[in-house]
Amino acid sequence: MDRRKRRDCKQISERFRNLLEAGRLKIKHAFINAENIESLFDEANAPAEPDLLSIDIDYNDYHVWQAITKYKPRVVIIEYNSIFRPDTHFVVKYNPKRMWDKTSHFGTSLLALEQLGNQKGYCLVGCVFTGSNAFFVREDLVGDLFESPYSAENHYEPNRDYLYYKAGHPKNHIPD
C-alpha cells in the first residue's frame, strides 16, 4: 500500500472511529476487480441486500457490477463515461489490472449500463447533473417514485466537470 493510501486509511480510521469500533463500518484496502468483488463482500459480511452500492473505480466499473450476482443492493450508483451520447453502446475491454490513464478511454456508456441494469433487474432513474454518476433502483422498489422512461435517452447528462472548478481569486485574496 503506498503512502497516500496508508494516509487515507488512517484518516478514515480516525474520522469514523466510533462507527468502526461499533462494527457499523469496515475499512479494507484492496484493488477491486470482477474476480474478487464478491469475495471482498463475503469477507466483510456484507448483507445480501445492502441499501446502497457505489461503484466508481475509474475503468472496470461495468465489469465489476456485472460480476456481482449474490448481492442485490436496493440502489446502485455507478460512474459512466459521459463523452458517449445516450444512443452509444460502449464498454472498455476488461482488463483486471487496468486503471484509469487520465484519458477519455475508460468505463462505459450510460446506454451499456442501462442495458446491464435491465438484465440485473434495475431501472435507471437518474444521473447527476455533472454527467458522471448514474442511479439505478431495483425494479421491485421503483413503484411510481421516479420519472420514466428509465432510459439513457431520458436521463443522460453530459459531462460538466467544469462545474467542480471555481474560477477567480480565492476568498482570502487581498490585493497588494
Protein backbone atom coordinates (compact mmCIF):
# COMPACT_ATOMS: atom_id res chain seq x y z
CA MET A 1 0.00 0.00 0.00
CA ASP A 2 1.54 3.29 -1.00
CA ARG A 3 1.94 6.25 1.33
CA ARG A 4 -1.17 8.11 0.13
CA LYS A 5 -3.41 5.09 0.61
CA ARG A 6 -1.99 4.46 4.09
CA ARG A 7 -2.68 8.11 4.92
CA ASP A 8 -6.24 7.87 3.56
CA CYS A 9 -6.97 4.69 5.54
CA LYS A 10 -5.57 6.32 8.68
CA GLN A 11 -7.76 9.42 8.18
CA ILE A 12 -10.85 7.28 7.64
CA SER A 13 -9.98 5.23 10.74
CA GLU A 14 -9.66 8.38 12.83
CA ARG A 15 -12.68 10.20 11.45
CA PHE A 16 -15.04 7.23 11.71
CA ARG A 17 -13.54 5.60 14.81
CA ASN A 18 -16.92 5.30 16.58
CA LEU A 19 -18.56 3.55 13.63
CA LEU A 20 -15.59 1.24 13.16
CA GLU A 21 -15.47 0.33 16.86
CA ALA A 22 -19.23 -0.30 16.90
CA GLY A 23 -18.88 -2.63 13.89
CA ARG A 24 -21.16 -0.46 11.74
CA LEU A 25 -18.36 0.35 9.29
CA LYS A 26 -15.44 -1.65 7.97
CA ILE A 27 -12.43 -0.43 6.06
CA LYS A 28 -10.38 -2.58 3.72
CA HIS A 29 -7.76 -1.59 1.21
CA ALA A 30 -7.92 -3.76 -1.90
CA PHE A 31 -7.58 -3.49 -5.66
CA ILE A 32 -11.07 -4.35 -6.89
CA ASN A 33 -11.77 -6.39 -10.00
CA ALA A 34 -14.53 -8.64 -11.30
CA GLU A 35 -12.84 -11.74 -9.88
CA ASN A 36 -12.57 -10.53 -6.27
CA ILE A 37 -15.56 -8.22 -5.69
CA GLU A 38 -17.89 -10.83 -4.21
CA SER A 39 -15.17 -12.37 -2.03
CA LEU A 40 -14.46 -8.88 -0.64
CA PHE A 41 -18.15 -8.53 0.23
CA ASP A 42 -18.08 -12.02 1.77
CA GLU A 43 -15.04 -11.14 3.91
CA ALA A 44 -16.81 -8.01 5.13
CA ASN A 45 -20.00 -9.95 5.96
CA ALA A 46 -21.95 -7.57 3.72
CA PRO A 47 -25.72 -8.05 3.81
CA ALA A 48 -27.27 -9.81 0.81
CA GLU A 49 -29.40 -6.72 0.15
CA PRO A 50 -27.40 -3.64 1.10
CA ASP A 51 -29.18 -0.31 0.87
CA LEU A 52 -26.56 1.29 -1.36
CA LEU A 53 -23.69 0.20 -3.56
CA SER A 54 -21.44 2.82 -5.14
CA ILE A 55 -19.09 1.73 -7.92
CA ASP A 56 -16.54 4.31 -9.02
CA ILE A 57 -13.26 2.64 -9.86
CA ASP A 58 -12.46 4.61 -12.99
CA TYR A 59 -12.12 1.82 -15.52
CA ASN A 60 -13.77 -1.58 -14.98
CA ASP A 61 -16.97 -0.34 -13.32
CA TYR A 62 -19.27 -2.17 -15.78
CA HIS A 63 -17.44 -5.47 -15.40
CA VAL A 64 -17.42 -5.28 -11.61
CA TRP A 65 -21.17 -4.62 -11.46
CA GLN A 66 -21.78 -7.41 -13.95
CA ALA A 67 -19.82 -9.81 -11.68
CA ILE A 68 -21.97 -9.05 -8.63
CA THR A 69 -24.61 -11.77 -8.60
CA LYS A 70 -25.03 -12.84 -4.94
CA TYR A 71 -25.72 -9.32 -3.67
CA LYS A 72 -28.82 -7.32 -4.60
CA PRO A 73 -28.43 -3.73 -3.40
CA ARG A 74 -31.54 -1.60 -3.34
CA VAL A 75 -29.75 1.30 -5.05
CA VAL A 76 -26.63 1.29 -7.23
CA ILE A 77 -24.68 4.42 -8.05
CA ILE A 78 -22.18 3.81 -10.82
CA GLU A 79 -19.83 6.00 -12.80
CA TYR A 80 -20.41 6.32 -16.53
CA ASN A 81 -18.35 7.91 -19.28
CA SER A 82 -20.45 10.85 -20.44
CA ILE A 83 -18.41 11.58 -23.55
CA PHE A 84 -20.59 8.87 -25.13
CA ARG A 85 -24.01 10.16 -26.14
CA PRO A 86 -27.07 8.30 -24.81
CA ASP A 87 -27.53 6.30 -28.02
CA THR A 88 -24.00 4.84 -27.92
CA HIS A 89 -23.17 1.43 -26.51
CA PHE A 90 -19.57 1.33 -25.27
CA VAL A 91 -17.76 -0.82 -22.71
CA VAL A 92 -13.99 -0.94 -22.30
CA LYS A 93 -12.42 -4.33 -22.82
CA TYR A 94 -12.00 -5.94 -19.43
CA ASN A 95 -8.51 -5.91 -18.01
CA PRO A 96 -8.40 -6.77 -14.29
CA LYS A 97 -5.16 -4.84 -13.73
CA ARG A 98 -6.06 -1.74 -15.72
CA MET A 99 -6.60 1.63 -14.11
CA TRP A 100 -7.64 4.99 -15.49
CA ASP A 101 -4.83 6.52 -17.54
CA LYS A 102 -6.29 10.06 -17.43
CA THR A 103 -7.65 9.78 -20.97
CA SER A 104 -11.26 9.57 -22.12
CA HIS A 105 -10.86 5.84 -22.83
CA PHE A 106 -12.41 4.38 -19.67
CA GLY A 107 -15.54 2.84 -18.29
CA THR A 108 -18.79 2.53 -20.09
CA SER A 109 -21.55 4.48 -21.74
CA LEU A 110 -24.83 5.13 -19.99
CA LEU A 111 -26.69 3.01 -22.57
CA ALA A 112 -24.49 -0.01 -21.78
CA LEU A 113 -25.20 0.46 -18.07
CA GLU A 114 -28.93 0.84 -18.74
CA GLN A 115 -28.92 -2.49 -20.58
CA LEU A 116 -26.86 -4.22 -17.88
CA GLY A 117 -29.13 -2.78 -15.20
CA ASN A 118 -32.19 -4.10 -17.01
CA GLN A 119 -30.63 -7.59 -17.17
CA LYS A 120 -29.92 -7.42 -13.44
CA GLY A 121 -33.41 -6.17 -12.54
CA TYR A 122 -32.67 -2.45 -12.10
CA CYS A 123 -34.16 0.72 -13.54
CA LEU A 124 -32.08 3.76 -14.48
CA VAL A 125 -33.78 6.54 -12.52
CA GLY A 126 -31.40 9.47 -12.95
CA CYS A 127 -27.90 10.89 -13.33
CA VAL A 128 -26.01 13.61 -11.54
CA PHE A 129 -26.06 16.97 -13.28
CA THR A 130 -22.30 16.85 -13.89
CA GLY A 131 -22.64 13.72 -16.05
CA SER A 132 -20.54 11.30 -14.04
CA ASN A 133 -22.76 9.00 -11.99
CA ALA A 134 -25.95 7.13 -12.76
CA PHE A 135 -28.53 5.96 -10.23
CA PHE A 136 -30.25 2.59 -10.51
CA VAL A 137 -33.06 1.33 -8.28
CA ARG A 138 -34.12 -2.28 -8.05
CA GLU A 139 -37.28 -2.82 -10.13
CA ASP A 140 -39.29 -4.12 -7.16
CA LEU A 141 -38.71 -0.82 -5.34
CA VAL A 142 -39.30 1.71 -8.13
CA GLY A 143 -43.10 1.98 -7.95
CA ASP A 144 -44.22 5.40 -9.16
CA LEU A 145 -41.44 7.25 -7.33
CA PHE A 146 -39.24 8.06 -10.34
CA GLU A 147 -39.57 9.64 -13.77
CA SER A 148 -39.95 7.17 -16.58
CA PRO A 149 -38.92 6.11 -19.10
CA TYR A 150 -35.95 4.55 -17.31
CA SER A 151 -33.60 5.02 -20.22
CA ALA A 152 -30.28 6.57 -21.10
CA GLU A 153 -32.09 8.73 -23.62
CA ASN A 154 -34.28 10.20 -20.87
CA HIS A 155 -31.75 10.53 -18.04
CA TYR A 156 -28.41 11.22 -19.77
CA GLU A 157 -26.44 14.21 -18.52
CA PRO A 158 -23.40 15.42 -20.50
CA ASN A 159 -20.01 15.97 -18.93
CA ARG A 160 -19.93 19.14 -16.86
CA ASP A 161 -16.70 18.70 -14.92
CA TYR A 162 -16.11 22.41 -15.24
CA LEU A 163 -18.73 22.90 -12.52
CA TYR A 164 -16.28 21.43 -9.99
CA TYR A 165 -13.74 24.15 -10.57
CA LYS A 166 -14.11 27.65 -9.27
CA ALA A 167 -12.68 30.44 -11.38
CA GLY A 168 -11.41 33.66 -9.99
CA HIS A 169 -9.49 34.65 -6.90
CA PRO A 170 -9.63 32.70 -3.66
CA LYS A 171 -11.85 34.14 -0.90
CA ASN A 172 -8.87 35.29 1.12
CA HIS A 173 -7.28 37.13 -1.80
CA ILE A 174 -6.03 40.52 -0.65
CA PRO A 175 -4.55 42.82 -3.29
CA ASP A 176 -1.16 44.43 -2.61
